Structure formats: C-alpha cells, structure tokens
Amino acid sequence: MVKRQYLNNVKQLLVPFLIVVILGTILLSYSSYAMGVSSVINAPVEAWIYGCEPVDLFFPLLASLPFSWVLFTERKNGFLNYVAIRTNKTKYIRNKMLSGMLLSFTAIFTMYFLSLIYVLFFTHFKMDPGASRLVSYMFGNYQLNNPLIFGLVWASWKGVISALICLFGQVFSLYNKNIFVISTAPFIYVFLENFITASLSIPEFSLTTSFVLNRLTPEVIQLQNLFIGFFTLILVIFITNIYYKWRSSNALANQE
C-alpha cells in the first residue's frame, strides 16, 4: 500500500520533476559556460561555482514550487477528506510530503551535478596560469583537486537543503488557502532571512550562505556557518506547523 502510494506520488510529480531537471541543467550549464568564456579562471570548476550563482537566486522556487502544489489541490477539492475514509489521513499526508521532498532532493542534486559534469568533461576554457583564489576558501583544495567528488558532496548538500525548503512549502500548502502565499512563501522567507542577517552584519548565518558556494570572503566562512541557517529553518518550519494547527483547532472550536 505504502509503496503504491509513493509510486503514485512520483507519477503525479514526474512532469514538474523533469521540467526542473532539464531546465535547471540547461540554465546551469549555459551560465557556467558563459562564465568560463567571459571571465579569467584558473580551473574549470571555477566556471561552475560562479556560474551557479544566477540560478541560485531562484533556488527556493525550484526546490519548492514544483513539488508543493499537490497537497493544496487535494485539500481544495476535498480529496484529503475522501482519503480519510479509506486510509490513515496522517500517514497519507506524511508519505505525500516525503515523496515531494525526495523528488526535490533528486531534482536539485541531478541538475547541479550534471552541469558540473558538463563543465569538467565537455568544455575547454582558456586557463590563467596563476594560482586559483579557491585555495583560500573552505574546502578549497578539494574544489580544485577533486572537483567531481566535491561536486557530488556539494550537490547532495544542496539537495538536502532543497528537501527542507520543499517541506516548508508543503506546510503552507497543507493549511493556507492563498495560492500566492503557498507559491512564494519559501522564496520570501529566504529573501527576508538573507536581508535581515545582512542588515545585522551576520550574513554568514544566513541560509543563503548554506547553499551558495564561496558566497562570502574566506575569512568569514566556517563549517558551522553552513548549519546555522539550516537548523533555523527547521525551527521556523516547526513553529509554522504548530501555529497553523493551533489556528485550525480554534477555527473548528468556533464552528462548534
């Protein structure tokens, strides 16, 4: 039963999944190629690192929007109430969320890793013979000397953050009635959180710093900084879910 539900969830989200993977891979590959031919680089991986930045601006939307809409539509058309008659509604919603998170992780991982493979094996950029500035960054030696392995790890990490952002969108999709809020909430959160941390002069604590590689100067970035924004988002998701449950309970109590 559970396996069949996961397969049905994957089928339901297969088209947006493929769109994200194909479009994302093309955009990342083109951006990386444009960066490689128009900038002074010391290693091919630099083109990928800095070429990812334009696409990273829309990272929260790519991570959440294509995979969070299903719960909203099923709640709106009353399908979730029908599900409660046939099976455990909580388990159904949980499996639906896990399916979306898994597809979000896979889509983000695939598009970033495939674009790295394109840059490393199918491009021929003119290299500057000088020392790369990557050596001063955290994991800089791995970025330079083992770009494929590093890219595999980094794309996986971005996938994990993507899955978490997707979960955030799904919480709104489960409770909120405004499709605009559901569609943009994760993006707005990341934007506001980045703005607030920058205003407080602590951009290293931002979630954006967790998924944009080498975003800040080497002196600022520490390993623990990658996890602060990540765990902050987990806390925000928990609080948001508690708030919506409380509001739903009050609404039901008032109806009685």
Protein backbone atom coordinates (compact mmCIF):
# COMPACT_ATOMS: atom_id res chain seq x y z
CA MET A 1 0.00 0.00 0.00
CA VAL A 2 2.73 2.47 1.00
CA LYS A 3 4.90 1.52 -1.98
CA ARG A 4 1.95 2.02 -4.33
CA GLN A 5 1.27 5.44 -2.82
CA TYR A 6 4.89 6.51 -3.30
CA LEU A 7 4.76 5.37 -6.93
CA ASN A 8 1.52 7.30 -7.47
CA ASN A 9 3.05 10.39 -5.88
CA VAL A 10 6.10 10.12 -8.15
CA LYS A 11 3.89 9.76 -11.23
CA GLN A 12 1.88 12.78 -10.15
CA LEU A 13 5.02 14.93 -9.88
CA LEU A 14 7.00 13.40 -12.73
CA VAL A 15 6.32 16.17 -15.26
CA PRO A 16 7.36 19.09 -12.98
CA PHE A 17 10.33 16.99 -11.82
CA LEU A 18 11.56 16.52 -15.40
CA ILE A 19 10.98 20.19 -16.20
CA VAL A 20 13.10 21.26 -13.21
CA VAL A 21 15.89 18.79 -14.05
CA ILE A 22 16.05 19.60 -17.78
CA LEU A 23 15.56 23.36 -17.50
CA GLY A 24 17.85 23.63 -14.47
CA THR A 25 20.63 21.62 -16.10
CA ILE A 26 20.45 23.72 -19.27
CA LEU A 27 20.48 27.02 -17.37
CA LEU A 28 23.34 25.97 -15.09
CA SER A 29 25.39 24.62 -17.99
CA TYR A 30 24.85 27.75 -20.07
CA SER A 31 25.59 30.07 -17.16
CA SER A 32 28.75 28.13 -16.30
CA TYR A 33 29.88 28.13 -19.92
CA ALA A 34 29.26 31.87 -20.23
CA MET A 35 31.23 32.45 -17.05
CA GLY A 36 34.11 30.31 -18.32
CA VAL A 37 34.49 32.08 -21.65
CA SER A 38 33.98 35.62 -20.35
CA SER A 39 35.99 35.55 -17.12
CA VAL A 40 39.54 34.87 -16.03
CA ILE A 41 39.55 31.45 -14.37
CA ASN A 42 42.31 29.21 -13.09
CA ALA A 43 40.37 25.93 -13.10
CA PRO A 44 37.23 24.68 -14.89
CA VAL A 45 35.40 24.20 -11.58
CA GLU A 46 35.53 27.96 -11.04
CA ALA A 47 33.23 28.43 -14.02
CA TRP A 48 30.73 26.07 -12.40
CA ILE A 49 30.97 27.63 -8.94
CA TYR A 50 30.40 31.18 -10.12
CA GLY A 51 28.10 30.16 -12.96
CA CYS A 52 25.67 28.64 -10.44
CA GLU A 53 25.07 31.97 -8.72
CA PRO A 54 22.41 33.36 -11.13
CA VAL A 55 20.37 30.15 -10.82
CA ASP A 56 20.87 30.10 -7.05
CA LEU A 57 18.77 33.27 -6.89
CA PHE A 58 15.73 31.13 -7.74
CA PHE A 59 16.83 28.13 -5.71
CA PRO A 60 13.93 28.30 -3.19
CA LEU A 61 11.37 28.39 -6.03
CA LEU A 62 12.96 25.46 -7.87
CA ALA A 63 13.13 23.48 -4.63
CA SER A 64 9.56 24.04 -3.50
CA LEU A 65 7.07 25.27 -6.09
CA PRO A 66 7.06 22.25 -8.45
CA PHE A 67 6.62 19.78 -5.57
CA SER A 68 4.36 21.54 -3.05
CA TRP A 69 1.20 22.22 -5.03
CA VAL A 70 -0.32 18.72 -4.81
CA LEU A 71 -1.41 18.95 -1.18
CA PHE A 72 -3.09 22.28 -1.88
CA THR A 73 -5.13 20.90 -4.78
CA GLU A 74 -6.09 17.74 -2.89
CA ARG A 75 -7.17 19.77 0.12
CA LYS A 76 -9.09 22.25 -2.01
CA ASN A 77 -11.03 19.64 -4.00
CA GLY A 78 -11.82 17.61 -0.87
CA PHE A 79 -9.71 14.59 -1.82
CA LEU A 80 -7.98 14.57 1.58
CA ASN A 81 -11.35 14.09 3.26
CA TYR A 82 -12.07 11.19 0.94
CA VAL A 83 -8.68 9.66 1.75
CA ALA A 84 -9.53 9.71 5.46
CA ILE A 85 -12.33 7.21 4.79
CA ARG A 86 -10.04 4.68 3.09
CA THR A 87 -6.75 5.02 4.97
CA ASN A 88 -4.96 6.90 7.73
CA LYS A 89 -5.00 10.56 6.68
CA THR A 90 -1.91 11.49 8.70
CA LYS A 91 0.15 8.73 7.12
CA TYR A 92 -1.11 9.66 3.67
CA ILE A 93 -0.06 13.30 4.14
CA ARG A 94 3.30 12.25 5.60
CA ASN A 95 4.03 9.98 2.63
CA LYS A 96 2.94 12.72 0.23
CA MET A 97 5.35 15.16 1.87
CA LEU A 98 8.22 12.66 1.89
CA SER A 99 7.67 11.95 -1.82
CA GLY A 100 7.82 15.65 -2.63
CA MET A 101 10.96 16.12 -0.54
CA LEU A 102 12.64 13.14 -2.18
CA LEU A 103 11.85 14.40 -5.67
CA SER A 104 13.02 17.90 -4.74
CA PHE A 105 16.31 16.48 -3.46
CA THR A 106 16.78 14.36 -6.59
CA ALA A 107 15.95 17.18 -9.00
CA ILE A 108 18.31 19.69 -7.39
CA PHE A 109 21.11 17.16 -6.98
CA THR A 110 20.79 15.99 -10.60
CA MET A 111 20.76 19.40 -12.26
CA TYR A 112 23.75 20.71 -10.31
CA PHE A 113 25.81 17.56 -10.68
CA LEU A 114 25.05 17.12 -14.39
CA SER A 115 26.06 20.72 -15.07
CA LEU A 116 29.35 20.09 -13.24
CA ILE A 117 30.00 17.02 -15.40
CA TYR A 118 29.35 19.16 -18.49
CA VAL A 119 31.85 21.80 -17.32
CA LEU A 120 34.57 19.32 -16.35
CA PHE A 121 34.38 16.98 -19.35
CA PHE A 122 32.76 18.81 -22.25
CA THR A 123 34.20 22.34 -22.14
CA HIS A 124 37.66 23.68 -22.91
CA PHE A 125 38.22 27.05 -21.29
CA LYS A 126 41.35 29.12 -21.55
CA MET A 127 43.04 28.95 -18.14
CA ASP A 128 45.06 31.62 -16.40
CA PRO A 129 48.35 30.08 -15.18
CA GLY A 130 48.21 31.89 -11.83
CA ALA A 131 47.17 30.36 -8.51
CA SER A 132 43.47 29.93 -8.01
CA ARG A 133 41.74 32.00 -5.36
CA LEU A 134 39.78 28.90 -4.37
CA VAL A 135 42.67 27.69 -2.20
CA SER A 136 41.82 30.29 0.43
CA TYR A 137 38.23 29.09 0.77
CA MET A 138 36.92 26.35 3.00
CA PHE A 139 37.39 23.02 1.18
CA GLY A 140 39.27 24.97 -1.49
CA ASN A 141 41.83 22.22 -2.09
CA TYR A 142 39.05 19.69 -2.63
CA GLN A 143 37.31 22.07 -5.03
CA LEU A 144 40.48 22.35 -7.09
CA ASN A 145 42.00 18.88 -6.86
CA ASN A 146 38.89 16.68 -6.60
CA PRO A 147 36.14 18.76 -8.24
CA LEU A 148 33.99 15.77 -9.21
CA ILE A 149 33.94 14.27 -5.70
CA PHE A 150 33.48 17.68 -4.13
CA GLY A 151 30.69 18.48 -6.57
CA LEU A 152 28.98 15.20 -5.70
CA VAL A 153 29.04 16.10 -1.99
CA TRP A 154 28.03 19.72 -2.52
CA ALA A 155 25.17 18.84 -4.89
CA SER A 156 23.96 16.34 -2.26
CA TRP A 157 24.07 19.05 0.41
CA LYS A 158 22.10 21.41 -1.82
CA GLY A 159 19.61 18.60 -2.33
CA VAL A 160 19.16 18.24 1.44
CA ILE A 161 18.50 21.97 1.79
CA SER A 162 16.15 21.75 -1.18
CA ALA A 163 14.15 18.99 0.52
CA LEU A 164 13.86 21.10 3.67
CA ILE A 165 12.68 24.14 1.70
CA CYS A 166 10.18 21.87 -0.06
CA LEU A 167 8.85 20.74 3.33
CA PHE A 168 8.39 24.39 4.30
CA GLY A 169 6.32 24.96 1.17
CA GLN A 170 4.27 21.84 1.84
CA VAL A 171 3.33 23.06 5.32
CA PHE A 172 1.86 26.19 3.75
CA SER A 173 0.21 24.06 1.06
CA LEU A 174 -1.47 21.93 3.72
CA TYR A 175 -3.00 24.82 5.67
CA ASN A 176 -3.00 28.07 3.72
CA LYS A 177 -5.80 28.99 1.31
CA ASN A 178 -3.87 31.61 -0.66
CA ILE A 179 -2.10 30.08 -3.67
CA PHE A 180 0.20 33.11 -3.97
CA VAL A 181 1.40 32.66 -0.38
CA ILE A 182 1.87 28.93 -0.91
CA SER A 183 3.88 29.50 -4.10
CA THR A 184 6.16 32.22 -2.79
CA ALA A 185 6.47 31.63 0.98
CA PRO A 186 9.83 29.74 0.85
CA PHE A 187 11.29 32.28 -1.58
CA ILE A 188 10.11 35.22 0.54
CA TYR A 189 11.46 33.58 3.70
CA VAL A 190 14.93 33.07 2.18
CA PHE A 191 14.91 36.64 0.83
CA LEU A 192 13.86 38.19 4.15
CA GLU A 193 16.18 35.99 6.20
CA ASN A 194 19.09 36.96 3.93
CA PHE A 195 18.15 40.65 4.19
CA ILE A 196 17.86 40.53 7.99
CA THR A 197 21.16 38.72 8.54
CA ALA A 198 22.89 41.13 6.15
CA SER A 199 21.39 44.13 7.98
CA LEU A 200 22.63 42.70 11.28
CA SER A 201 26.10 42.17 9.75
CA ILE A 202 25.89 38.39 10.21
CA PRO A 203 25.45 37.18 6.61
CA GLU A 204 27.45 34.07 7.46
CA PHE A 205 24.44 32.83 9.46
CA SER A 206 22.07 33.10 6.51
CA LEU A 207 20.51 30.05 4.84
CA THR A 208 21.70 31.51 1.53
CA THR A 209 25.28 31.08 2.73
CA SER A 210 24.49 27.39 3.28
CA PHE A 211 23.69 26.71 -0.38
CA VAL A 212 25.66 29.34 -2.34
CA LEU A 213 29.25 28.11 -2.51
CA ASN A 214 32.01 30.61 -1.61
CA ARG A 215 29.43 33.36 -1.25
CA LEU A 216 31.37 35.39 1.32
CA THR A 217 35.03 36.13 1.89
CA PRO A 218 37.14 33.17 3.09
CA GLU A 219 37.77 34.75 6.49
CA VAL A 220 34.07 34.76 7.32
CA ILE A 221 33.06 31.25 6.31
CA GLN A 222 33.37 28.50 8.90
CA LEU A 223 31.99 24.97 8.70
CA GLN A 224 29.43 25.59 11.43
CA ASN A 225 28.03 28.54 9.46
CA LEU A 226 26.63 26.11 6.90
CA PHE A 227 24.32 24.60 9.53
CA ILE A 228 23.03 27.68 11.38
CA GLY A 229 20.60 28.77 8.66
CA PHE A 230 19.68 25.13 8.07
CA PHE A 231 18.65 24.48 11.68
CA THR A 232 16.98 27.89 11.91
CA LEU A 233 14.73 26.88 9.01
CA ILE A 234 13.87 23.61 10.78
CA LEU A 235 12.80 25.66 13.81
CA VAL A 236 10.75 28.02 11.61
CA ILE A 237 9.01 25.05 9.95
CA PHE A 238 8.19 23.57 13.35
CA ILE A 239 6.77 26.87 14.65
CA THR A 240 4.80 27.45 11.44
CA ASN A 241 3.26 24.00 11.63
CA ILE A 242 2.33 24.46 15.31
CA TYR A 243 0.79 27.86 14.54
CA TYR A 244 -1.35 26.54 11.68
CA LYS A 245 -2.51 23.56 13.75
CA TRP A 246 -3.46 25.88 16.61
CA ARG A 247 -5.33 28.19 14.25
CA SER A 248 -7.17 25.26 12.64
CA SER A 249 -8.17 23.94 16.07
CA ASN A 250 -9.53 27.34 17.08
CA ALA A 251 -11.48 27.60 13.83
CA LEU A 252 -13.10 24.21 14.43
CA ALA A 253 -13.90 25.10 18.04
CA ASN A 254 -15.58 28.35 16.95
CA GLN A 255 -17.70 26.47 14.40
CA GLU A 256 -19.00 24.21 17.17
